[in-house]
PDB file of N, CA and C in Angstrom:
ATOM      1  N   MET A   1       1.310 -32.769   7.670  1.00  0.00           N
ATOM      2  CA  MET A   1       2.618 -32.118   7.713  1.00  0.00           C
ATOM      3  C   MET A   1       2.919 -31.491   6.347  1.00  0.00           C
ATOM      4  N   ILE A   2       3.432 -30.277   6.358  1.00  0.00           N
ATOM      5  CA  ILE A   2       3.786 -29.578   5.123  1.00  0.00           C
ATOM      6  C   ILE A   2       5.261 -29.835   4.836  1.00  0.00           C
ATOM      7  N   ASP A   3       5.539 -30.410   3.660  1.00  0.00           N
ATOM      8  CA  ASP A   3       6.912 -30.800   3.348  1.00  0.00           C
ATOM      9  C   ASP A   3       7.586 -29.928   2.299  1.00  0.00           C
ATOM     10  N   THR A   4       6.867 -29.538   1.281  1.00  0.00           N
ATOM     11  CA  THR A   4       7.498 -28.850   0.159  1.00  0.00           C
ATOM     12  C   THR A   4       7.032 -27.405   0.065  1.00  0.00           C
ATOM     13  N   LEU A   5       7.775 -26.645  -0.713  1.00  0.00           N
ATOM     14  CA  LEU A   5       7.376 -25.259  -0.959  1.00  0.00           C
ATOM     15  C   LEU A   5       6.003 -25.213  -1.613  1.00  0.00           C
ATOM     16  N   ALA A   6       5.755 -26.116  -2.550  1.00  0.00           N
ATOM     17  CA  ALA A   6       4.446 -26.156  -3.213  1.00  0.00           C
ATOM     18  C   ALA A   6       3.334 -26.393  -2.198  1.00  0.00           C
ATOM     19  N   ASP A   7       3.566 -27.273  -1.226  1.00  0.00           N
ATOM     20  CA  ASP A   7       2.577 -27.520  -0.172  1.00  0.00           C
ATOM     21  C   ASP A   7       2.342 -26.267   0.668  1.00  0.00           C
ATOM     22  N   LYS A   8       3.425 -25.588   1.016  1.00  0.00           N
ATOM     23  CA  LYS A   8       3.307 -24.357   1.808  1.00  0.00           C
ATOM     24  C   LYS A   8       2.535 -23.293   1.043  1.00  0.00           C
ATOM     25  N   LEU A   9       2.805 -23.171  -0.258  1.00  0.00           N
ATOM     26  CA  LEU A   9       2.098 -22.186  -1.071  1.00  0.00           C
ATOM     27  C   LEU A   9       0.611 -22.516  -1.157  1.00  0.00           C
ATOM     28  N   ARG A  10       0.279 -23.786  -1.357  1.00  0.00           N
ATOM     29  CA  ARG A  10      -1.129 -24.188  -1.388  1.00  0.00           C
ATOM     30  C   ARG A  10      -1.807 -23.893  -0.055  1.00  0.00           C
ATOM     31  N   GLU A  11      -1.087 -24.090   1.041  1.00  0.00           N
ATOM     32  CA  GLU A  11      -1.633 -23.839   2.375  1.00  0.00           C
ATOM     33  C   GLU A  11      -2.060 -22.377   2.546  1.00  0.00           C
ATOM     34  N   ILE A  12      -1.341 -21.457   1.905  1.00  0.00           N
ATOM     35  CA  ILE A  12      -1.699 -20.033   2.015  1.00  0.00           C
ATOM     36  C   ILE A  12      -2.538 -19.557   0.840  1.00  0.00           C
ATOM     37  N   GLY A  13      -2.980 -20.493  -0.018  1.00  0.00           N
ATOM     38  CA  GLY A  13      -3.891 -20.153  -1.096  1.00  0.00           C
ATOM     39  C   GLY A  13      -3.236 -19.763  -2.409  1.00  0.00           C
ATOM     40  N   VAL A  14      -1.955 -20.028  -2.567  1.00  0.00           N
ATOM     41  CA  VAL A  14      -1.247 -19.718  -3.808  1.00  0.00           C
ATOM     42  C   VAL A  14      -1.123 -21.020  -4.599  1.00  0.00           C
ATOM     43  N   GLU A  15      -1.860 -21.113  -5.717  1.00  0.00           N
ATOM     44  CA  GLU A  15      -1.927 -22.372  -6.454  1.00  0.00           C
ATOM     45  C   GLU A  15      -1.012 -22.440  -7.677  1.00  0.00           C
ATOM     46  N   ASN A  16      -0.830 -21.359  -8.397  1.00  0.00           N
ATOM     47  CA  ASN A  16      -0.181 -21.426  -9.707  1.00  0.00           C
ATOM     48  C   ASN A  16       1.145 -20.687  -9.803  1.00  0.00           C
ATOM     49  N   ALA A  17       1.790 -20.448  -8.694  1.00  0.00           N
ATOM     50  CA  ALA A  17       3.065 -19.711  -8.737  1.00  0.00           C
ATOM     51  C   ALA A  17       4.170 -20.613  -9.261  1.00  0.00           C
ATOM     52  N   LEU A  18       5.048 -20.053 -10.067  1.00  0.00           N
ATOM     53  CA  LEU A  18       6.216 -20.780 -10.540  1.00  0.00           C
ATOM     54  C   LEU A  18       7.277 -20.784  -9.448  1.00  0.00           C
ATOM     55  N   VAL A  19       7.931 -21.930  -9.270  1.00  0.00           N
ATOM     56  CA  VAL A  19       8.988 -22.037  -8.267  1.00  0.00           C
ATOM     57  C   VAL A  19      10.239 -22.612  -8.905  1.00  0.00           C
ATOM     58  N   MET A  20      11.380 -22.326  -8.304  1.00  0.00           N
ATOM     59  CA  MET A  20      12.661 -22.856  -8.755  1.00  0.00           C
ATOM     60  C   MET A  20      12.963 -24.106  -7.936  1.00  0.00           C
ATOM     61  N   ASP A  21      12.964 -25.263  -8.587  1.00  0.00           N
ATOM     62  CA  ASP A  21      13.228 -26.526  -7.890  1.00  0.00           C
ATOM     63  C   ASP A  21      14.601 -26.499  -7.226  1.00  0.00           C
ATOM     64  N   GLY A  22      14.627 -26.890  -5.952  1.00  0.00           N
ATOM     65  CA  GLY A  22      15.879 -26.984  -5.224  1.00  0.00           C
ATOM     66  C   GLY A  22      16.318 -25.706  -4.532  1.00  0.00           C
ATOM     67  N   TYR A  23      15.564 -24.639  -4.689  1.00  0.00           N
ATOM     68  CA  TYR A  23      15.941 -23.357  -4.097  1.00  0.00           C
ATOM     69  C   TYR A  23      14.964 -22.913  -3.010  1.00  0.00           C
ATOM     70  N   ASP A  24      14.283 -23.858  -2.386  1.00  0.00           N
ATOM     71  CA  ASP A  24      13.292 -23.523  -1.356  1.00  0.00           C
ATOM     72  C   ASP A  24      13.889 -22.703  -0.215  1.00  0.00           C
ATOM     73  N   ASP A  25      15.141 -22.978   0.145  1.00  0.00           N
ATOM     74  CA  ASP A  25      15.778 -22.244   1.246  1.00  0.00           C
ATOM     75  C   ASP A  25      16.082 -20.798   0.893  1.00  0.00           C
ATOM     76  N   CYS A  26      15.927 -20.436  -0.367  1.00  0.00           N
ATOM     77  CA  CYS A  26      16.220 -19.078  -0.819  1.00  0.00           C
ATOM     78  C   CYS A  26      14.976 -18.194  -0.869  1.00  0.00           C
ATOM     79  N   VAL A  27      13.812 -18.758  -0.602  1.00  0.00           N
ATOM     80  CA  VAL A  27      12.555 -18.001  -0.682  1.00  0.00           C
ATOM     81  C   VAL A  27      12.471 -17.007   0.459  1.00  0.00           C
ATOM     82  N   ILE A  28      12.087 -15.767   0.103  1.00  0.00           N
ATOM     83  CA  ILE A  28      11.904 -14.740   1.130  1.00  0.00           C
ATOM     84  C   ILE A  28      10.455 -14.281   1.244  1.00  0.00           C
ATOM     85  N   GLY A  29       9.610 -14.697   0.301  1.00  0.00           N
ATOM     86  CA  GLY A  29       8.215 -14.318   0.407  1.00  0.00           C
ATOM     87  C   GLY A  29       7.454 -14.544  -0.881  1.00  0.00           C
ATOM     88  N   VAL A  30       6.196 -14.083  -0.857  1.00  0.00           N
ATOM     89  CA  VAL A  30       5.318 -14.175  -2.019  1.00  0.00           C
ATOM     90  C   VAL A  30       4.753 -12.786  -2.269  1.00  0.00           C
ATOM     91  N   LEU A  31       4.835 -12.343  -3.520  1.00  0.00           N
ATOM     92  CA  LEU A  31       4.307 -11.040  -3.910  1.00  0.00           C
ATOM     93  C   LEU A  31       2.965 -11.252  -4.578  1.00  0.00           C
ATOM     94  N   GLU A  32       1.937 -10.627  -4.038  1.00  0.00           N
ATOM     95  CA  GLU A  32       0.612 -10.702  -4.642  1.00  0.00           C
ATOM     96  C   GLU A  32       0.308  -9.376  -5.321  1.00  0.00           C
ATOM     97  N   ARG A  33      -0.146  -9.478  -6.566  1.00  0.00           N
ATOM     98  CA  ARG A  33      -0.444  -8.284  -7.357  1.00  0.00           C
ATOM     99  C   ARG A  33      -1.895  -8.324  -7.807  1.00  0.00           C
ATOM    100  N   TYR A  34      -2.550  -7.200  -7.804  1.00  0.00           N
ATOM    101  CA  TYR A  34      -3.956  -7.132  -8.186  1.00  0.00           C
ATOM    102  C   TYR A  34      -4.144  -7.602  -9.625  1.00  0.00           C
ATOM    103  N   GLY A  35      -5.018  -8.593  -9.801  1.00  0.00           N
ATOM    104  CA  GLY A  35      -5.357  -9.076 -11.127  1.00  0.00           C
ATOM    105  C   GLY A  35      -4.298  -9.938 -11.796  1.00  0.00           C
ATOM    106  N   MET A  36      -3.257 -10.313 -11.061  1.00  0.00           N
ATOM    107  CA  MET A  36      -2.184 -11.113 -11.635  1.00  0.00           C
ATOM    108  C   MET A  36      -1.855 -12.274 -10.700  1.00  0.00           C
ATOM    109  N   GLU A  37      -1.168 -13.272 -11.242  1.00  0.00           N
ATOM    110  CA  GLU A  37      -0.745 -14.411 -10.431  1.00  0.00           C
ATOM    111  C   GLU A  37       0.328 -13.978  -9.423  1.00  0.00           C
ATOM    112  N   PRO A  38       0.354 -14.590  -8.248  1.00  0.00           N
ATOM    113  CA  PRO A  38       1.410 -14.286  -7.273  1.00  0.00           C
ATOM    114  C   PRO A  38       2.784 -14.708  -7.793  1.00  0.00           C
ATOM    115  N   ILE A  39       3.814 -14.058  -7.275  1.00  0.00           N
ATOM    116  CA  ILE A  39       5.196 -14.356  -7.637  1.00  0.00           C
ATOM    117  C   ILE A  39       5.935 -14.771  -6.364  1.00  0.00           C
ATOM    118  N   VAL A  40       6.688 -15.876  -6.446  1.00  0.00           N
ATOM    119  CA  VAL A  40       7.538 -16.289  -5.339  1.00  0.00           C
ATOM    120  C   VAL A  40       8.819 -15.464  -5.420  1.00  0.00           C
ATOM    121  N   LEU A  41       9.184 -14.828  -4.311  1.00  0.00           N
ATOM    122  CA  LEU A  41      10.381 -13.988  -4.266  1.00  0.00           C
ATOM    123  C   LEU A  41      11.552 -14.759  -3.677  1.00  0.00           C
ATOM    124  N   TYR A  42      12.696 -14.642  -4.337  1.00  0.00           N
ATOM    125  CA  TYR A  42      13.906 -15.335  -3.894  1.00  0.00           C
ATOM    126  C   TYR A  42      14.973 -14.317  -3.517  1.00  0.00           C
ATOM    127  N   ASP A  43      15.781 -14.663  -2.517  1.00  0.00           N
ATOM    128  CA  ASP A  43      16.926 -13.855  -2.132  1.00  0.00           C
ATOM    129  C   ASP A  43      18.017 -14.058  -3.184  1.00  0.00           C
ATOM    130  N   LYS A  44      18.346 -13.001  -3.901  1.00  0.00           N
ATOM    131  CA  LYS A  44      19.299 -13.079  -5.013  1.00  0.00           C
ATOM    132  C   LYS A  44      20.649 -13.631  -4.572  1.00  0.00           C
ATOM    133  N   GLU A  45      21.180 -13.143  -3.456  1.00  0.00           N
ATOM    134  CA  GLU A  45      22.489 -13.592  -2.968  1.00  0.00           C
ATOM    135  C   GLU A  45      22.474 -15.089  -2.625  1.00  0.00           C
ATOM    136  N   LYS A  46      21.392 -15.545  -1.978  1.00  0.00           N
ATOM    137  CA  LYS A  46      21.300 -16.962  -1.623  1.00  0.00           C
ATOM    138  C   LYS A  46      21.234 -17.839  -2.873  1.00  0.00           C
ATOM    139  N   VAL A  47      20.484 -17.398  -3.865  1.00  0.00           N
ATOM    140  CA  VAL A  47      20.377 -18.164  -5.115  1.00  0.00           C
ATOM    141  C   VAL A  47      21.745 -18.264  -5.789  1.00  0.00           C
ATOM    142  N   ILE A  48      22.450 -17.146  -5.878  1.00  0.00           N
ATOM    143  CA  ILE A  48      23.774 -17.139  -6.510  1.00  0.00           C
ATOM    144  C   ILE A  48      24.746 -18.025  -5.729  1.00  0.00           C
ATOM    145  N   ASN A  49      24.751 -17.892  -4.401  1.00  0.00           N
ATOM    146  CA  ASN A  49      25.652 -18.705  -3.578  1.00  0.00           C
ATOM    147  C   ASN A  49      25.350 -20.192  -3.714  1.00  0.00           C
ATOM    148  N   LEU A  50      24.075 -20.555  -3.713  1.00  0.00           N
ATOM    149  CA  LEU A  50      23.706 -21.960  -3.856  1.00  0.00           C
ATOM    150  C   LEU A  50      24.076 -22.478  -5.240  1.00  0.00           C
ATOM    151  N   LYS A  51      23.847 -21.670  -6.261  1.00  0.00           N
ATOM    152  CA  LYS A  51      24.197 -22.072  -7.626  1.00  0.00           C
ATOM    153  C   LYS A  51      25.706 -22.308  -7.742  1.00  0.00           C
ATOM    154  N   GLU A  52      26.495 -21.413  -7.181  1.00  0.00           N
ATOM    155  CA  GLU A  52      27.954 -21.578  -7.214  1.00  0.00           C
ATOM    156  C   GLU A  52      28.387 -22.828  -6.462  1.00  0.00           C
ATOM    157  N   LEU A  53      27.783 -23.076  -5.307  1.00  0.00           N
ATOM    158  CA  LEU A  53      28.099 -24.279  -4.532  1.00  0.00           C
ATOM    159  C   LEU A  53      27.770 -25.536  -5.325  1.00  0.00           C
ATOM    160  N   LEU A  54      26.614 -25.539  -5.955  1.00  0.00           N
ATOM    161  CA  LEU A  54      26.200 -26.704  -6.734  1.00  0.00           C
ATOM    162  C   LEU A  54      27.126 -26.937  -7.927  1.00  0.00           C
ATOM    163  N   GLU A  55      27.560 -25.848  -8.564  1.00  0.00           N
ATOM    164  CA  GLU A  55      28.480 -25.980  -9.693  1.00  0.00           C
ATOM    165  C   GLU A  55      29.830 -26.539  -9.233  1.00  0.00           C
ATOM    166  N   ARG A  56      30.315 -26.102  -8.072  1.00  0.00           N
ATOM    167  CA  ARG A  56      31.593 -26.596  -7.551  1.00  0.00           C
ATOM    168  C   ARG A  56      31.525 -28.075  -7.183  1.00  0.00           C
ATOM    169  N   THR A  57      30.385 -28.504  -6.673  1.00  0.00           N
ATOM    170  CA  THR A  57      30.252 -29.897  -6.237  1.00  0.00           C
ATOM    171  C   THR A  57      29.736 -30.807  -7.341  1.00  0.00           C
ATOM    172  N   GLY A  58      29.342 -30.227  -8.470  1.00  0.00           N
ATOM    173  CA  GLY A  58      28.840 -31.032  -9.574  1.00  0.00           C
ATOM    174  C   GLY A  58      27.415 -31.513  -9.390  1.00  0.00           C
ATOM    175  N   SER A  59      26.694 -30.878  -8.470  1.00  0.00           N
ATOM    176  CA  SER A  59      25.299 -31.237  -8.218  1.00  0.00           C
ATOM    177  C   SER A  59      24.374 -30.330  -9.007  1.00  0.00           C
ATOM    178  N   THR A  60      23.096 -30.656  -8.960  1.00  0.00           N
ATOM    179  CA  THR A  60      22.079 -29.765  -9.509  1.00  0.00           C
ATOM    180  C   THR A  60      21.084 -29.455  -8.404  1.00  0.00           C
ATOM    181  N   ALA A  61      20.395 -28.346  -8.518  1.00  0.00           N
ATOM    182  CA  ALA A  61      19.467 -27.935  -7.480  1.00  0.00           C
ATOM    183  C   ALA A  61      18.341 -28.951  -7.302  1.00  0.00           C
ATOM    184  N   SER A  62      17.871 -29.554  -8.364  1.00  0.00           N
ATOM    185  CA  SER A  62      16.765 -30.478  -8.239  1.00  0.00           C
ATOM    186  C   SER A  62      17.157 -31.771  -7.537  1.00  0.00           C
ATOM    187  N   ARG A  63      18.469 -32.121  -7.525  1.00  0.00           N
ATOM    188  CA  ARG A  63      18.907 -33.329  -6.833  1.00  0.00           C
ATOM    189  C   ARG A  63      19.356 -33.043  -5.413  1.00  0.00           C
ATOM    190  N   TRP A  64      19.568 -31.793  -5.078  1.00  0.00           N
ATOM    191  CA  TRP A  64      20.127 -31.443  -3.793  1.00  0.00           C
ATOM    192  C   TRP A  64      19.135 -31.424  -2.718  1.00  0.00           C
TER     193      TRP A  64
END
């Protein structure tokens, strides 16, 4: 069973991409570039909304 974003990325062959802890629900895809490491793409609006929610509730993304 695949549980985390890191597991999902490994499943599709992406090993060294940087990810934002706690923002897995904001991922919209992975950008692959010739000769460079892949980049995880995040939905800007979702990231901002989640960050604002976490700030209002006093939580952090890594604990959520």
